[in-house]
Structure formats: structure tokens, C-alpha cells
């Protein structure tokens, strides 16, 4: 098979995954809600599974984009600032506008105050965004989370959260940095093997993300039936605000199309698994964790729809230059 044919096959596989990802995500969420017990054996292995996702993202990185990222540190700072300003305030504003009860409001605020989710790296890849930038933004926002997440929740929601910076930072190293670096090294050492694997990488990542979020939904299944619809509305509005403003910030900074897509995804997609865990640990009311569970499903659906649209746009508006 020629290089051009391989590239075309990889593109078709990624496009199909981008379109099929929402269906996989919805199925995983429904299973988590209806039969939470099936995820019981998976729950202890969430972190290793996230590491597998990040390793797959590392396999897609090329030296050129990585080097370029270190030459543009200001983009990381702009992206992280957008992440921790837009989403916490938007979460609070949506909760106030919908008149959510205190426990539900705190859950939405926790989602907004959380760092970028690891699934955002998968969606950035599917959307033909800047994957190196996506990984960098996810990592930086997560490292900032031990300080900024509790501060925002305390300020906006009135609940104090104690999080170990060292523990969370080491978790990021294990789940994000080491797997990504490992995948990147494998790509450098075995480029032909990685090229042969490229057509299946989008599907492998999509399925792994679906398994992870299904487990998150399973953990909050008992509360979904009673408060789910109202929180779902809040989550959809919150997510769309983040993606829209994130894209707008990137456009105002005159970033290229790939970076704008990544910024929209990174700002709009949160580490909702972390939000659910914090809610369960620090908020007595069980329904506080529902926002994180619903966000786990919805942001992957909306992100995947966006990725499918982005690829469709590229296929129908082929150009040799970036959108101005």
C-alpha cells in the first residue's frame, strides 16, 4: 500500500471514529446508568486506562509540532487562563440562571472549576486540532488544579476542598506525561509500526474513553433519575459556552485553525471524573456528583460532533492555507 493510500485510510478511520464516537459514548453512558454493576471490575483501573489513552495520543505526536509548542509558551498561558476563568464563572452563572438547588449548583461549579479532561486530547486528534497543544493545555491546567479548583469552588460555591498538590501532580505525571512521552518515543523509534497502527488508533482511543466515562456514570446512577434532566440542561449550556468562548479567545489571539479548534475543545471539555470524585468526597448530598457524571457523557458527545463537523468542513473546503 502506498503512503498516500495509508494516509487516506487513516483519515477515513479517524473520520468514521469521530462520527461513531457519540454513539459509543451514549451506549457506555446508558449501560453505566442502567446496569452499573458491569463497571465494578473496571473502576479500580480507571487511571491505567487513562494512561492508555494518553499513550495513544503520544503515538500521534511528531517532533515538529512538539518543538513548535515550546516556542509558543504564551499560548499555554492564554489557554489555561481561559480554562480557569471562563468555565468556573460560566458554571456559577448557569446554576444561578436555572435556579439550581445548592447541591446541584456546587456540582456544576465543580465541573467548571476542574482542569481539562484527558478525553479532550482524543477529540482534538479526531478534529484535526493541535494535539501537542491539547496535551500541553491538559497537563498545565491539571497541575494548576490543586490551587485553582478549591479556590474557585470555595469562592463560588462556598465549599472548601482540600487537595494534595503533590498527589495530583504525581498522578498527572503517571497518567499524562509518562504515557505521552512513552508514545512519542515509540513513534520516534518505530515509525513504520506506528504508521501501520494509525488506522486503528482513533477507534482504540474512542472505545477506551467510552469505558472510562461509563464507569463514572455508573458511580452516580442512583441520582440520575431524579435530578438528571435539569442538570443535563445546565451541562449542555455550560459546555457550549466554554467551547464557543474558547474558540473566540483563540481567534482573537489570531491562532491558526488547528489551535482554535483545540482551544475550543480544551476550554469546553472538563475533567468531569475529577469533579465527580471531589463532589462525592466533599459534598454530603449524593446528587452533587450528578453534574460530573452527565458532563462525562455530554462533553464527549458534543466534542465528537464538533470533530465530525471539523473533518467534514476540511473535506468540503480543502485549502492549502489556514483559515484567516
Protein backbone atom coordinates (compact mmCIF):
# COMPACT_ATOMS: atom_id res chain seq x y z
CA UNK A 1 0.00 0.00 0.00
CA UNK A 2 1.36 3.42 -0.96
CA UNK A 3 1.95 6.22 1.56
CA UNK A 4 -0.94 8.19 0.04
CA UNK A 5 -3.30 5.22 0.39
CA UNK A 6 -2.24 4.69 4.00
CA UNK A 7 -2.83 8.35 4.76
CA UNK A 8 -6.27 8.18 3.13
CA UNK A 9 -7.12 5.03 5.09
CA UNK A 10 -6.05 6.67 8.34
CA UNK A 11 -8.15 9.74 7.51
CA UNK A 12 -11.23 7.63 6.77
CA UNK A 13 -10.77 5.69 10.01
CA UNK A 14 -10.45 8.88 12.07
CA UNK A 15 -13.49 10.43 10.39
CA UNK A 16 -15.57 7.31 10.99
CA UNK A 17 -14.48 7.28 14.64
CA UNK A 18 -15.40 10.94 15.01
CA UNK A 19 -18.89 10.20 13.69
CA UNK A 20 -19.32 6.94 15.60
CA UNK A 21 -17.83 8.17 18.89
CA UNK A 22 -21.06 9.79 20.14
CA UNK A 23 -22.94 6.52 19.63
CA UNK A 24 -20.28 4.62 21.59
CA UNK A 25 -20.32 7.24 24.35
CA UNK A 26 -24.11 7.21 24.65
CA UNK A 27 -24.15 3.41 24.79
CA UNK A 28 -21.49 3.41 27.53
CA UNK A 29 -23.44 6.02 29.50
CA UNK A 30 -26.73 4.13 29.18
CA UNK A 31 -25.07 0.91 30.33
CA UNK A 32 -23.48 2.74 33.26
CA UNK A 33 -26.88 4.11 34.31
CA UNK A 34 -28.99 1.01 33.70
CA UNK A 35 -26.54 -1.69 34.80
CA UNK A 36 -23.85 -0.01 36.93
CA UNK A 37 -22.64 -3.35 38.25
CA UNK A 38 -20.98 -4.24 34.95
CA UNK A 39 -18.44 -1.48 35.52
CA UNK A 40 -17.50 -2.62 39.02
CA UNK A 41 -14.43 -4.59 37.81
CA UNK A 42 -13.30 -1.58 35.75
CA UNK A 43 -13.48 1.12 38.44
CA UNK A 44 -10.12 0.25 40.08
CA UNK A 45 -8.38 0.53 36.72
CA UNK A 46 -9.54 3.98 35.59
CA UNK A 47 -6.11 5.59 35.91
CA UNK A 48 -4.30 2.89 33.88
CA UNK A 49 -6.98 3.20 31.20
CA UNK A 50 -6.46 6.98 31.08
CA UNK A 51 -2.75 6.24 30.70
CA UNK A 52 -3.53 4.01 27.71
CA UNK A 53 -5.46 6.88 26.13
CA UNK A 54 -2.56 9.26 26.63
CA UNK A 55 -0.07 6.72 25.25
CA UNK A 56 -2.16 6.57 22.09
CA UNK A 57 -2.04 10.35 21.87
CA UNK A 58 1.74 10.24 22.28
CA UNK A 59 1.93 7.93 19.29
CA UNK A 60 0.32 10.64 17.14
CA UNK A 61 2.84 13.37 18.07
CA UNK A 62 5.55 14.45 15.65
CA UNK A 63 8.78 16.22 16.65
CA UNK A 64 7.92 19.34 14.65
CA UNK A 65 4.69 20.29 16.49
CA UNK A 66 6.24 19.46 19.88
CA UNK A 67 9.23 21.74 19.27
CA UNK A 68 6.92 24.47 17.99
CA UNK A 69 4.85 24.22 21.19
CA UNK A 70 7.83 25.07 23.40
CA UNK A 71 8.45 28.08 21.21
CA UNK A 72 4.95 29.41 21.99
CA UNK A 73 4.55 29.18 25.80
CA UNK A 74 2.21 32.18 25.78
CA UNK A 75 -0.44 30.04 24.07
CA UNK A 76 -0.38 27.63 27.02
CA UNK A 77 -0.81 30.53 29.42
CA UNK A 78 -3.71 32.01 27.41
CA UNK A 79 -5.42 28.62 27.17
CA UNK A 80 -5.07 27.86 30.87
CA UNK A 81 -6.28 31.34 31.80
CA UNK A 82 -9.34 30.85 29.59
CA UNK A 83 -9.92 27.42 31.13
CA UNK A 84 -9.90 28.66 34.72
CA UNK A 85 -11.77 31.92 34.14
CA UNK A 86 -14.48 31.07 31.62
CA UNK A 87 -15.63 27.69 32.92
CA UNK A 88 -15.90 28.36 36.69
CA UNK A 89 -17.76 31.65 36.17
CA UNK A 90 -19.96 30.11 33.46
CA UNK A 91 -20.81 27.19 35.77
CA UNK A 92 -21.87 29.54 38.54
CA UNK A 93 -23.85 31.75 36.13
CA UNK A 94 -25.72 28.78 34.61
CA UNK A 95 -26.56 27.40 38.04
CA UNK A 96 -27.88 30.81 39.13
CA UNK A 97 -29.88 31.33 35.94
CA UNK A 98 -31.58 27.93 36.24
CA UNK A 99 -32.13 28.30 39.98
CA UNK A 100 -30.42 25.00 40.80
CA UNK A 101 -30.58 23.76 44.40
CA UNK A 102 -27.37 24.21 46.37
CA UNK A 103 -26.06 20.65 45.95
CA UNK A 104 -26.64 20.63 42.20
CA UNK A 105 -25.17 24.11 41.82
CA UNK A 106 -21.99 23.09 43.62
CA UNK A 107 -21.72 20.08 41.33
CA UNK A 108 -21.91 22.27 38.22
CA UNK A 109 -19.40 24.73 39.71
CA UNK A 110 -17.03 21.84 40.47
CA UNK A 111 -17.16 20.77 36.85
CA UNK A 112 -16.38 24.33 35.77
CA UNK A 113 -13.50 24.62 38.22
CA UNK A 114 -11.90 21.34 37.13
CA UNK A 115 -8.97 21.15 34.70
CA UNK A 116 -9.21 19.98 31.11
CA UNK A 117 -10.24 16.37 30.62
CA UNK A 118 -7.98 13.71 29.10
CA UNK A 119 -10.70 12.92 26.56
CA UNK A 120 -10.11 16.38 25.10
CA UNK A 121 -6.83 15.10 23.67
CA UNK A 122 -8.68 12.36 21.83
CA UNK A 123 -11.27 14.80 20.48
CA UNK A 124 -8.54 17.24 19.42
CA UNK A 125 -6.95 14.41 17.46
CA UNK A 126 -10.25 13.45 15.85
CA UNK A 127 -10.95 17.11 15.00
CA UNK A 128 -7.52 17.52 13.37
CA UNK A 129 -6.61 20.03 16.04
CA UNK A 130 -3.19 20.72 17.54
CA UNK A 131 -2.66 17.57 19.63
CA UNK A 132 0.62 18.78 21.15
CA UNK A 133 -1.12 21.96 22.29
CA UNK A 134 -4.03 19.91 23.64
CA UNK A 135 -1.74 17.70 25.72
CA UNK A 136 0.17 20.75 26.95
CA UNK A 137 -3.02 22.56 28.00
CA UNK A 138 -4.42 19.47 29.72
CA UNK A 139 -1.21 18.96 31.65
CA UNK A 140 -0.77 22.59 32.69
CA UNK A 141 -4.39 23.04 33.77
CA UNK A 142 -4.22 19.83 35.81
CA UNK A 143 -1.04 20.97 37.55
CA UNK A 144 -2.77 24.24 38.43
CA UNK A 145 -5.91 22.47 39.64
CA UNK A 146 -4.81 21.77 43.26
CA UNK A 147 -4.74 25.53 43.85
CA UNK A 148 -7.35 26.91 41.46
CA UNK A 149 -10.07 24.24 41.72
CA UNK A 150 -10.57 24.51 45.52
CA UNK A 151 -10.23 28.31 45.35
CA UNK A 152 -12.98 28.68 42.74
CA UNK A 153 -15.32 26.23 44.46
CA UNK A 154 -14.80 27.98 47.79
CA UNK A 155 -15.39 31.40 46.23
CA UNK A 156 -18.36 30.50 44.04
CA UNK A 157 -19.91 27.58 45.90
CA UNK A 158 -18.92 28.13 49.49
CA UNK A 159 -17.43 24.64 49.91
CA UNK A 160 -13.81 24.23 50.99
CA UNK A 161 -11.88 21.41 49.31
CA UNK A 162 -8.51 20.14 50.43
CA UNK A 163 -6.48 18.61 47.61
CA UNK A 164 -2.88 17.44 47.77
CA UNK A 165 -0.81 19.24 45.15
CA UNK A 166 1.93 16.59 45.31
CA UNK A 167 -0.53 13.72 44.91
CA UNK A 168 -2.38 15.26 41.99
CA UNK A 169 0.84 16.35 40.29
CA UNK A 170 2.26 12.84 40.55
CA UNK A 171 -0.99 11.47 39.16
CA UNK A 172 -0.63 13.78 36.17
CA UNK A 173 2.92 12.56 35.64
CA UNK A 174 1.73 8.94 35.70
CA UNK A 175 -1.45 9.38 33.67
CA UNK A 176 -0.43 12.10 31.21
CA UNK A 177 3.28 12.87 30.94
CA UNK A 178 4.88 9.41 31.13
CA UNK A 179 2.43 7.72 28.72
CA UNK A 180 2.63 10.62 26.25
CA UNK A 181 6.43 10.66 26.37
CA UNK A 182 6.44 6.86 26.01
CA UNK A 183 4.19 7.01 22.95
CA UNK A 184 6.28 9.80 21.46
CA UNK A 185 9.49 7.79 21.93
CA UNK A 186 7.90 4.70 20.38
CA UNK A 187 6.89 6.83 17.39
CA UNK A 188 10.47 8.08 17.01
CA UNK A 189 12.00 4.59 17.32
CA UNK A 190 9.38 2.61 15.38
CA UNK A 191 7.79 4.98 12.85
CA UNK A 192 6.77 2.21 10.43
CA UNK A 193 4.99 0.24 13.16
CA UNK A 194 3.15 3.34 14.33
CA UNK A 195 2.17 4.19 10.74
CA UNK A 196 0.68 0.71 10.39
CA UNK A 197 -1.29 1.22 13.62
CA UNK A 198 -2.66 4.67 12.76
CA UNK A 199 -5.94 3.47 11.20
CA UNK A 200 -6.98 1.74 14.46
CA UNK A 201 -5.75 4.39 16.92
CA UNK A 202 -8.89 6.59 16.76
CA UNK A 203 -11.15 3.62 17.47
CA UNK A 204 -8.94 2.26 20.25
CA UNK A 205 -8.93 5.68 21.93
CA UNK A 206 -12.68 6.17 21.45
CA UNK A 207 -13.56 2.81 23.00
CA UNK A 208 -11.21 3.33 25.95
CA UNK A 209 -12.68 6.77 26.68
CA UNK A 210 -16.18 5.29 26.49
CA UNK A 211 -15.29 2.62 29.06
CA UNK A 212 -13.87 5.24 31.43
CA UNK A 213 -16.88 7.55 31.26
CA UNK A 214 -19.29 4.62 31.56
CA UNK A 215 -17.68 3.82 34.89
CA UNK A 216 -18.12 7.45 36.03
CA UNK A 217 -21.83 7.36 35.14
CA UNK A 218 -22.23 4.05 36.95
CA UNK A 219 -20.98 5.66 40.13
CA UNK A 220 -23.80 8.25 40.08
CA UNK A 221 -26.58 6.14 38.57
CA UNK A 222 -28.78 6.26 41.68
CA UNK A 223 -29.24 10.05 41.46
CA UNK A 224 -29.63 10.41 37.71
CA UNK A 225 -33.32 9.54 37.53
CA UNK A 226 -34.45 12.26 39.94
CA UNK A 227 -32.31 15.28 39.07
CA UNK A 228 -30.81 14.27 35.73
CA UNK A 229 -32.96 16.34 33.29
CA UNK A 230 -32.37 19.70 35.00
CA UNK A 231 -28.66 19.07 35.40
CA UNK A 232 -28.45 17.90 31.80
CA UNK A 233 -29.75 21.28 30.63
CA UNK A 234 -27.19 23.05 32.79
CA UNK A 235 -24.39 20.85 31.49
CA UNK A 236 -25.28 21.42 27.82
CA UNK A 237 -25.40 25.21 28.24
CA UNK A 238 -22.19 25.22 30.28
CA UNK A 239 -20.30 23.13 27.72
CA UNK A 240 -21.44 25.18 24.73
CA UNK A 241 -20.46 28.43 26.46
CA UNK A 242 -16.98 27.06 27.10
CA UNK A 243 -16.43 25.81 23.56
CA UNK A 244 -17.76 28.99 21.96
CA UNK A 245 -15.78 31.42 24.09
CA UNK A 246 -12.69 29.22 23.91
CA UNK A 247 -12.77 29.37 20.13
CA UNK A 248 -13.40 33.10 20.27
CA UNK A 249 -10.40 33.70 22.53
CA UNK A 250 -8.16 31.72 20.18
CA UNK A 251 -9.48 33.63 17.19
CA UNK A 252 -8.88 36.96 18.95
CA UNK A 253 -5.29 35.83 19.56
CA UNK A 254 -5.02 35.08 15.81
CA UNK A 255 -4.16 31.41 16.29
CA UNK A 256 -4.36 29.06 13.33
CA UNK A 257 -7.35 26.81 12.66
CA UNK A 258 -5.92 23.74 14.40
CA UNK A 259 -5.10 25.74 17.53
CA UNK A 260 -8.55 27.39 17.55
CA UNK A 261 -10.22 24.00 17.41
CA UNK A 262 -8.02 22.77 20.22
CA UNK A 263 -8.73 25.82 22.38
CA UNK A 264 -12.49 25.36 21.94
CA UNK A 265 -12.20 21.70 22.90
CA UNK A 266 -9.84 22.26 25.83
CA UNK A 267 -11.91 25.05 27.39
CA UNK A 268 -15.23 23.30 26.82
CA UNK A 269 -14.24 19.78 27.93
CA UNK A 270 -13.54 19.26 31.62
CA UNK A 271 -12.09 16.53 33.81
CA UNK A 272 -15.59 15.61 34.94
CA UNK A 273 -14.33 12.40 36.53
CA UNK A 274 -12.30 14.55 38.93
CA UNK A 275 -15.35 16.75 39.54
CA UNK A 276 -17.49 13.72 40.40
CA UNK A 277 -14.83 12.38 42.75
CA UNK A 278 -14.49 15.71 44.58
CA UNK A 279 -18.25 16.04 44.87
CA UNK A 280 -18.63 12.55 46.34
CA UNK A 281 -15.79 13.15 48.78
CA UNK A 282 -16.54 16.68 50.00
CA UNK A 283 -20.28 17.27 49.49
CA UNK A 284 -22.69 15.26 51.71
CA UNK A 285 -25.55 15.33 49.16
CA UNK A 286 -25.09 12.50 46.59
CA UNK A 287 -26.75 14.48 43.80
CA UNK A 288 -23.77 16.85 43.75
CA UNK A 289 -21.87 14.24 41.72
CA UNK A 290 -24.54 14.06 39.01
CA UNK A 291 -23.22 17.06 37.05
CA UNK A 292 -19.85 15.39 36.63
CA UNK A 293 -21.46 12.13 35.52
CA UNK A 294 -23.67 13.81 32.92
CA UNK A 295 -20.83 16.04 31.74
CA UNK A 296 -18.73 12.89 31.22
CA UNK A 297 -21.21 11.76 28.59
CA UNK A 298 -22.28 15.06 27.07
CA UNK A 299 -18.90 16.72 26.52
CA UNK A 300 -17.71 13.66 24.63
CA UNK A 301 -20.85 13.72 22.50
CA UNK A 302 -20.61 17.44 21.76
CA UNK A 303 -16.86 17.20 21.23
CA UNK A 304 -17.26 14.29 18.84
CA UNK A 305 -19.99 16.07 16.89
CA UNK A 306 -17.65 19.05 16.65
CA UNK A 307 -14.81 16.79 15.48
CA UNK A 308 -17.03 15.24 12.83
CA UNK A 309 -18.11 18.68 11.63
CA UNK A 310 -14.49 19.88 11.58
CA UNK A 311 -13.41 16.96 9.41
CA UNK A 312 -16.42 17.39 7.15
CA UNK A 313 -15.54 21.08 6.80
CA UNK A 314 -11.98 20.17 5.85
CA UNK A 315 -13.14 17.66 3.27
CA UNK A 316 -15.51 20.16 1.62
CA UNK A 317 -13.33 23.26 1.98
CA UNK A 318 -9.94 21.89 1.01
CA UNK A 319 -7.29 24.60 1.09
CA UNK A 320 -3.54 24.83 1.33
CA UNK A 321 -3.63 27.66 3.85
CA UNK A 322 -5.15 28.09 7.28
CA UNK A 323 -8.44 29.89 7.71
CA UNK A 324 -7.89 33.56 8.41
